[in-house]
């Protein structure tokens, strides 16, 4: 007997890649670009100050404004890219499932943190009185990562259990009494 894993536990290099993983990776790429390239929070002018005495408008991107959440977002982005990269080898279904579950957890946590930080509680109300479009779009990108991970898990379950569930349903229908 060989110690090599059974063939049916392994997936072909691209057979396990799902539409959900592509959605997560595209959303993670958008989130990465938004984190550094777009203003998320800003200050048009100091409240109560005359327009001539206030300093020029300032803004901050997510990397500068979100001191703790930025690390969560960065890990989420890396796991989303890792979920695609893992298919370059021949991963087991268990490994792929664990990566997808980790991505779902991180994506959901990132989206919840951004919903709280962008919509409910600004990073520092004394310096940043409003959110910019980048923050809202970034929040939707984080939601896209979570949604893509959910879809990847759902697609994997349908691929693994779909034929079994359909066969079981046909078997139950044919075994009804009186038929």
C-alpha atoms as a PDB file:
ATOM      1  CA  UNK A   1       0.000   0.000   0.000  1.00  0.00           C
ATOM      2  CA  UNK A   2       1.190   3.427  -0.811  1.00  0.00           C
ATOM      3  CA  UNK A   3       0.996   6.446   1.481  1.00  0.00           C
ATOM      4  CA  UNK A   4      -0.060   8.679  -1.417  1.00  0.00           C
ATOM      5  CA  UNK A   5      -3.463  10.339  -1.080  1.00  0.00           C
ATOM      6  CA  UNK A   6      -6.364   8.855  -2.967  1.00  0.00           C
ATOM      7  CA  UNK A   7      -6.886  10.436  -6.389  1.00  0.00           C
ATOM      8  CA  UNK A   8     -10.514  11.376  -5.808  1.00  0.00           C
ATOM      9  CA  UNK A   9      -9.519  13.529  -2.821  1.00  0.00           C
ATOM     10  CA  UNK A  10      -7.484  15.743  -5.107  1.00  0.00           C
ATOM     11  CA  UNK A  11      -8.829  18.179  -7.655  1.00  0.00           C
ATOM     12  CA  UNK A  12      -7.481  18.886 -11.096  1.00  0.00           C
ATOM     13  CA  UNK A  13      -5.470  22.143 -11.249  1.00  0.00           C
ATOM     14  CA  UNK A  14      -8.367  24.306 -12.488  1.00  0.00           C
ATOM     15  CA  UNK A  15     -11.352  22.030 -11.864  1.00  0.00           C
ATOM     16  CA  UNK A  16     -11.981  23.453  -8.399  1.00  0.00           C
ATOM     17  CA  UNK A  17     -11.801  27.113  -9.422  1.00  0.00           C
ATOM     18  CA  UNK A  18     -15.246  28.638  -9.039  1.00  0.00           C
ATOM     19  CA  UNK A  19     -16.995  31.778 -10.156  1.00  0.00           C
ATOM     20  CA  UNK A  20     -17.188  32.779  -6.485  1.00  0.00           C
ATOM     21  CA  UNK A  21     -13.408  32.711  -6.127  1.00  0.00           C
ATOM     22  CA  UNK A  22     -13.094  34.924  -9.185  1.00  0.00           C
ATOM     23  CA  UNK A  23     -15.610  37.357  -7.673  1.00  0.00           C
ATOM     24  CA  UNK A  24     -13.633  37.399  -4.420  1.00  0.00           C
ATOM     25  CA  UNK A  25     -10.317  37.944  -6.190  1.00  0.00           C
ATOM     26  CA  UNK A  26     -11.711  40.748  -8.373  1.00  0.00           C
ATOM     27  CA  UNK A  27     -13.270  42.402  -5.328  1.00  0.00           C
ATOM     28  CA  UNK A  28     -10.011  42.015  -3.390  1.00  0.00           C
ATOM     29  CA  UNK A  29      -8.081  43.631  -6.239  1.00  0.00           C
ATOM     30  CA  UNK A  30     -10.563  46.519  -6.300  1.00  0.00           C
ATOM     31  CA  UNK A  31     -10.281  46.861  -2.511  1.00  0.00           C
ATOM     32  CA  UNK A  32      -6.484  46.924  -2.714  1.00  0.00           C
ATOM     33  CA  UNK A  33      -6.518  49.668  -5.336  1.00  0.00           C
ATOM     34  CA  UNK A  34      -9.143  51.636  -3.422  1.00  0.00           C
ATOM     35  CA  UNK A  35      -7.192  51.383  -0.151  1.00  0.00           C
ATOM     36  CA  UNK A  36      -4.218  53.245  -1.564  1.00  0.00           C
ATOM     37  CA  UNK A  37      -5.472  55.210  -4.546  1.00  0.00           C
ATOM     38  CA  UNK A  38      -8.762  56.797  -3.509  1.00  0.00           C
ATOM     39  CA  UNK A  39      -9.783  59.163  -0.704  1.00  0.00           C
ATOM     40  CA  UNK A  40     -12.005  57.461   1.874  1.00  0.00           C
ATOM     41  CA  UNK A  41     -12.357  60.231   4.452  1.00  0.00           C
ATOM     42  CA  UNK A  42     -11.911  63.946   4.150  1.00  0.00           C
ATOM     43  CA  UNK A  43     -12.157  67.432   5.510  1.00  0.00           C
ATOM     44  CA  UNK A  44     -13.570  70.075   3.204  1.00  0.00           C
ATOM     45  CA  UNK A  45     -13.073  72.829   5.744  1.00  0.00           C
ATOM     46  CA  UNK A  46     -12.992  73.187   9.500  1.00  0.00           C
ATOM     47  CA  UNK A  47     -16.571  73.363  10.755  1.00  0.00           C
ATOM     48  CA  UNK A  48     -17.530  76.861  11.904  1.00  0.00           C
ATOM     49  CA  UNK A  49     -14.510  78.544  10.330  1.00  0.00           C
ATOM     50  CA  UNK A  50     -14.786  81.148   7.620  1.00  0.00           C
ATOM     51  CA  UNK A  51     -14.017  79.945   4.108  1.00  0.00           C
ATOM     52  CA  UNK A  52     -10.990  82.244   3.813  1.00  0.00           C
ATOM     53  CA  UNK A  53      -9.381  81.181   7.095  1.00  0.00           C
ATOM     54  CA  UNK A  54      -9.737  77.411   6.720  1.00  0.00           C
ATOM     55  CA  UNK A  55      -6.890  75.332   5.314  1.00  0.00           C
ATOM     56  CA  UNK A  56      -7.107  73.612   1.964  1.00  0.00           C
ATOM     57  CA  UNK A  57      -9.257  70.519   1.715  1.00  0.00           C
ATOM     58  CA  UNK A  58      -7.541  67.376   2.925  1.00  0.00           C
ATOM     59  CA  UNK A  59      -8.366  63.729   2.532  1.00  0.00           C
ATOM     60  CA  UNK A  60      -7.053  60.360   3.666  1.00  0.00           C
ATOM     61  CA  UNK A  61      -7.033  56.982   2.015  1.00  0.00           C
ATOM     62  CA  UNK A  62      -7.930  53.799   3.910  1.00  0.00           C
ATOM     63  CA  UNK A  63      -4.306  52.920   4.657  1.00  0.00           C
ATOM     64  CA  UNK A  64      -3.713  56.221   6.436  1.00  0.00           C
ATOM     65  CA  UNK A  65      -7.108  56.584   8.118  1.00  0.00           C
ATOM     66  CA  UNK A  66      -7.795  53.044   9.315  1.00  0.00           C
ATOM     67  CA  UNK A  67      -4.909  52.138  11.597  1.00  0.00           C
ATOM     68  CA  UNK A  68      -6.234  48.777  12.850  1.00  0.00           C
ATOM     69  CA  UNK A  69      -8.704  47.750  10.150  1.00  0.00           C
ATOM     70  CA  UNK A  70      -6.100  48.151   7.412  1.00  0.00           C
ATOM     71  CA  UNK A  71      -4.308  45.007   8.631  1.00  0.00           C
ATOM     72  CA  UNK A  72      -7.546  43.018   8.578  1.00  0.00           C
ATOM     73  CA  UNK A  73      -8.207  44.246   5.044  1.00  0.00           C
ATOM     74  CA  UNK A  74      -4.676  43.364   3.947  1.00  0.00           C
ATOM     75  CA  UNK A  75      -4.955  39.803   5.324  1.00  0.00           C
ATOM     76  CA  UNK A  76      -8.355  39.418   3.649  1.00  0.00           C
ATOM     77  CA  UNK A  77      -6.904  40.537   0.312  1.00  0.00           C
ATOM     78  CA  UNK A  78      -3.973  38.127   0.633  1.00  0.00           C
ATOM     79  CA  UNK A  79      -6.274  35.190   1.453  1.00  0.00           C
ATOM     80  CA  UNK A  80      -8.490  36.057  -1.534  1.00  0.00           C
ATOM     81  CA  UNK A  81      -5.474  35.950  -3.831  1.00  0.00           C
ATOM     82  CA  UNK A  82      -4.292  32.785  -2.079  1.00  0.00           C
ATOM     83  CA  UNK A  83      -7.640  31.134  -2.796  1.00  0.00           C
ATOM     84  CA  UNK A  84      -6.866  31.519  -6.495  1.00  0.00           C
ATOM     85  CA  UNK A  85      -3.189  30.646  -6.218  1.00  0.00           C
ATOM     86  CA  UNK A  86      -3.877  27.420  -4.344  1.00  0.00           C
ATOM     87  CA  UNK A  87      -5.340  25.940  -7.529  1.00  0.00           C
ATOM     88  CA  UNK A  88      -1.938  26.130  -9.240  1.00  0.00           C
ATOM     89  CA  UNK A  89      -1.000  22.931  -7.441  1.00  0.00           C
ATOM     90  CA  UNK A  90      -3.186  19.926  -6.825  1.00  0.00           C
ATOM     91  CA  UNK A  91      -4.853  20.788  -3.527  1.00  0.00           C
ATOM     92  CA  UNK A  92      -7.113  18.430  -1.648  1.00  0.00           C
ATOM     93  CA  UNK A  93     -10.784  19.291  -1.352  1.00  0.00           C
ATOM     94  CA  UNK A  94     -10.309  19.757   2.368  1.00  0.00           C
ATOM     95  CA  UNK A  95      -7.570  22.341   1.828  1.00  0.00           C
ATOM     96  CA  UNK A  96      -9.667  24.227  -0.707  1.00  0.00           C
ATOM     97  CA  UNK A  97     -12.677  24.135   1.626  1.00  0.00           C
ATOM     98  CA  UNK A  98     -10.619  25.471   4.536  1.00  0.00           C
ATOM     99  CA  UNK A  99      -9.270  28.362   2.446  1.00  0.00           C
ATOM    100  CA  UNK A 100     -12.791  29.205   1.262  1.00  0.00           C
ATOM    101  CA  UNK A 101     -14.139  29.134   4.822  1.00  0.00           C
ATOM    102  CA  UNK A 102     -11.283  31.334   6.038  1.00  0.00           C
ATOM    103  CA  UNK A 103     -11.986  33.767   3.209  1.00  0.00           C
ATOM    104  CA  UNK A 104     -15.688  33.828   4.082  1.00  0.00           C
ATOM    105  CA  UNK A 105     -14.893  34.581   7.733  1.00  0.00           C
ATOM    106  CA  UNK A 106     -12.315  37.269   6.903  1.00  0.00           C
ATOM    107  CA  UNK A 107     -14.458  38.821   4.179  1.00  0.00           C
ATOM    108  CA  UNK A 108     -17.481  39.011   6.467  1.00  0.00           C
ATOM    109  CA  UNK A 109     -15.422  40.459   9.315  1.00  0.00           C
ATOM    110  CA  UNK A 110     -13.819  43.025   6.985  1.00  0.00           C
ATOM    111  CA  UNK A 111     -17.175  44.043   5.536  1.00  0.00           C
ATOM    112  CA  UNK A 112     -18.693  44.414   8.999  1.00  0.00           C
ATOM    113  CA  UNK A 113     -15.728  46.479  10.200  1.00  0.00           C
ATOM    114  CA  UNK A 114     -15.972  48.756   7.171  1.00  0.00           C
ATOM    115  CA  UNK A 115     -19.740  49.147   7.511  1.00  0.00           C
ATOM    116  CA  UNK A 116     -19.188  50.248  11.098  1.00  0.00           C
ATOM    117  CA  UNK A 117     -16.234  52.510  10.327  1.00  0.00           C
ATOM    118  CA  UNK A 118     -17.510  54.090   7.100  1.00  0.00           C
ATOM    119  CA  UNK A 119     -21.223  54.413   7.768  1.00  0.00           C
ATOM    120  CA  UNK A 120     -21.617  54.520  11.536  1.00  0.00           C
ATOM    121  CA  UNK A 121     -18.486  55.757  13.281  1.00  0.00           C
ATOM    122  CA  UNK A 122     -15.882  57.806  11.421  1.00  0.00           C
ATOM    123  CA  UNK A 123     -12.218  57.136  12.366  1.00  0.00           C
ATOM    124  CA  UNK A 124     -11.700  60.378  14.287  1.00  0.00           C
ATOM    125  CA  UNK A 125     -14.611  62.827  14.286  1.00  0.00           C
ATOM    126  CA  UNK A 126     -12.416  65.755  15.336  1.00  0.00           C
ATOM    127  CA  UNK A 127     -10.223  65.405  12.191  1.00  0.00           C
ATOM    128  CA  UNK A 128     -12.457  63.628   9.677  1.00  0.00           C
ATOM    129  CA  UNK A 129     -15.991  64.979   9.503  1.00  0.00           C
ATOM    130  CA  UNK A 130     -17.171  63.100   6.411  1.00  0.00           C
ATOM    131  CA  UNK A 131     -16.628  60.001   4.324  1.00  0.00           C
ATOM    132  CA  UNK A 132     -15.831  60.136   0.640  1.00  0.00           C
ATOM    133  CA  UNK A 133     -17.050  57.947  -2.202  1.00  0.00           C
ATOM    134  CA  UNK A 134     -13.929  55.764  -1.907  1.00  0.00           C
ATOM    135  CA  UNK A 135     -15.004  54.574   1.534  1.00  0.00           C
ATOM    136  CA  UNK A 136     -18.433  53.521   0.336  1.00  0.00           C
ATOM    137  CA  UNK A 137     -17.052  51.783  -2.760  1.00  0.00           C
ATOM    138  CA  UNK A 138     -14.378  50.104  -0.614  1.00  0.00           C
ATOM    139  CA  UNK A 139     -17.082  48.841   1.729  1.00  0.00           C
ATOM    140  CA  UNK A 140     -18.915  47.317  -1.249  1.00  0.00           C
ATOM    141  CA  UNK A 141     -15.655  45.723  -2.436  1.00  0.00           C
ATOM    142  CA  UNK A 142     -15.266  44.058   0.981  1.00  0.00           C
ATOM    143  CA  UNK A 143     -18.869  42.854   0.706  1.00  0.00           C
ATOM    144  CA  UNK A 144     -17.932  41.464  -2.718  1.00  0.00           C
ATOM    145  CA  UNK A 145     -15.090  39.447  -1.188  1.00  0.00           C
ATOM    146  CA  UNK A 146     -17.488  37.942   1.378  1.00  0.00           C
ATOM    147  CA  UNK A 147     -20.163  37.276  -1.254  1.00  0.00           C
ATOM    148  CA  UNK A 148     -17.643  35.624  -3.577  1.00  0.00           C
ATOM    149  CA  UNK A 149     -16.435  33.346  -0.793  1.00  0.00           C
ATOM    150  CA  UNK A 150     -20.021  32.397   0.030  1.00  0.00           C
ATOM    151  CA  UNK A 151     -20.687  31.624  -3.640  1.00  0.00           C
ATOM    152  CA  UNK A 152     -17.506  29.528  -3.866  1.00  0.00           C
ATOM    153  CA  UNK A 153     -18.616  27.426  -0.903  1.00  0.00           C
ATOM    154  CA  UNK A 154     -22.135  27.102  -2.300  1.00  0.00           C
ATOM    155  CA  UNK A 155     -20.787  26.052  -5.722  1.00  0.00           C
ATOM    156  CA  UNK A 156     -18.476  23.488  -4.147  1.00  0.00           C
ATOM    157  CA  UNK A 157     -21.339  22.001  -2.134  1.00  0.00           C
ATOM    158  CA  UNK A 158     -23.540  21.847  -5.223  1.00  0.00           C
ATOM    159  CA  UNK A 159     -20.746  20.153  -7.164  1.00  0.00           C
ATOM    160  CA  UNK A 160     -20.115  17.569  -4.442  1.00  0.00           C
ATOM    161  CA  UNK A 161     -23.618  16.891  -3.160  1.00  0.00           C
ATOM    162  CA  UNK A 162     -25.804  17.834  -6.122  1.00  0.00           C
ATOM    163  CA  UNK A 163     -25.739  14.417  -7.854  1.00  0.00           C
ATOM    164  CA  UNK A 164     -26.185  12.607  -4.535  1.00  0.00           C
ATOM    165  CA  UNK A 165     -29.158  14.748  -3.536  1.00  0.00           C
ATOM    166  CA  UNK A 166     -30.838  14.345  -6.943  1.00  0.00           C
ATOM    167  CA  UNK A 167     -30.282  10.564  -6.904  1.00  0.00           C
ATOM    168  CA  UNK A 168     -31.663  10.354  -3.367  1.00  0.00           C
ATOM    169  CA  UNK A 169     -34.745  12.346  -4.302  1.00  0.00           C
ATOM    170  CA  UNK A 170     -35.444  10.064  -7.284  1.00  0.00           C
ATOM    171  CA  UNK A 171     -34.999   6.996  -5.090  1.00  0.00           C
ATOM    172  CA  UNK A 172     -37.456   8.305  -2.505  1.00  0.00           C
ATOM    173  CA  UNK A 173     -40.029   9.151  -5.150  1.00  0.00           C
ATOM    174  CA  UNK A 174     -39.910   5.662  -6.659  1.00  0.00           C
ATOM    175  CA  UNK A 175     -40.257   3.938  -3.263  1.00  0.00           C
ATOM    176  CA  UNK A 176     -43.549   5.575  -2.322  1.00  0.00           C
ATOM    177  CA  UNK A 177     -46.251   3.148  -1.256  1.00  0.00           C
ATOM    178  CA  UNK A 178     -49.136   2.748  -3.668  1.00  0.00           C
ATOM    179  CA  UNK A 179     -47.087   3.465  -6.775  1.00  0.00           C
END
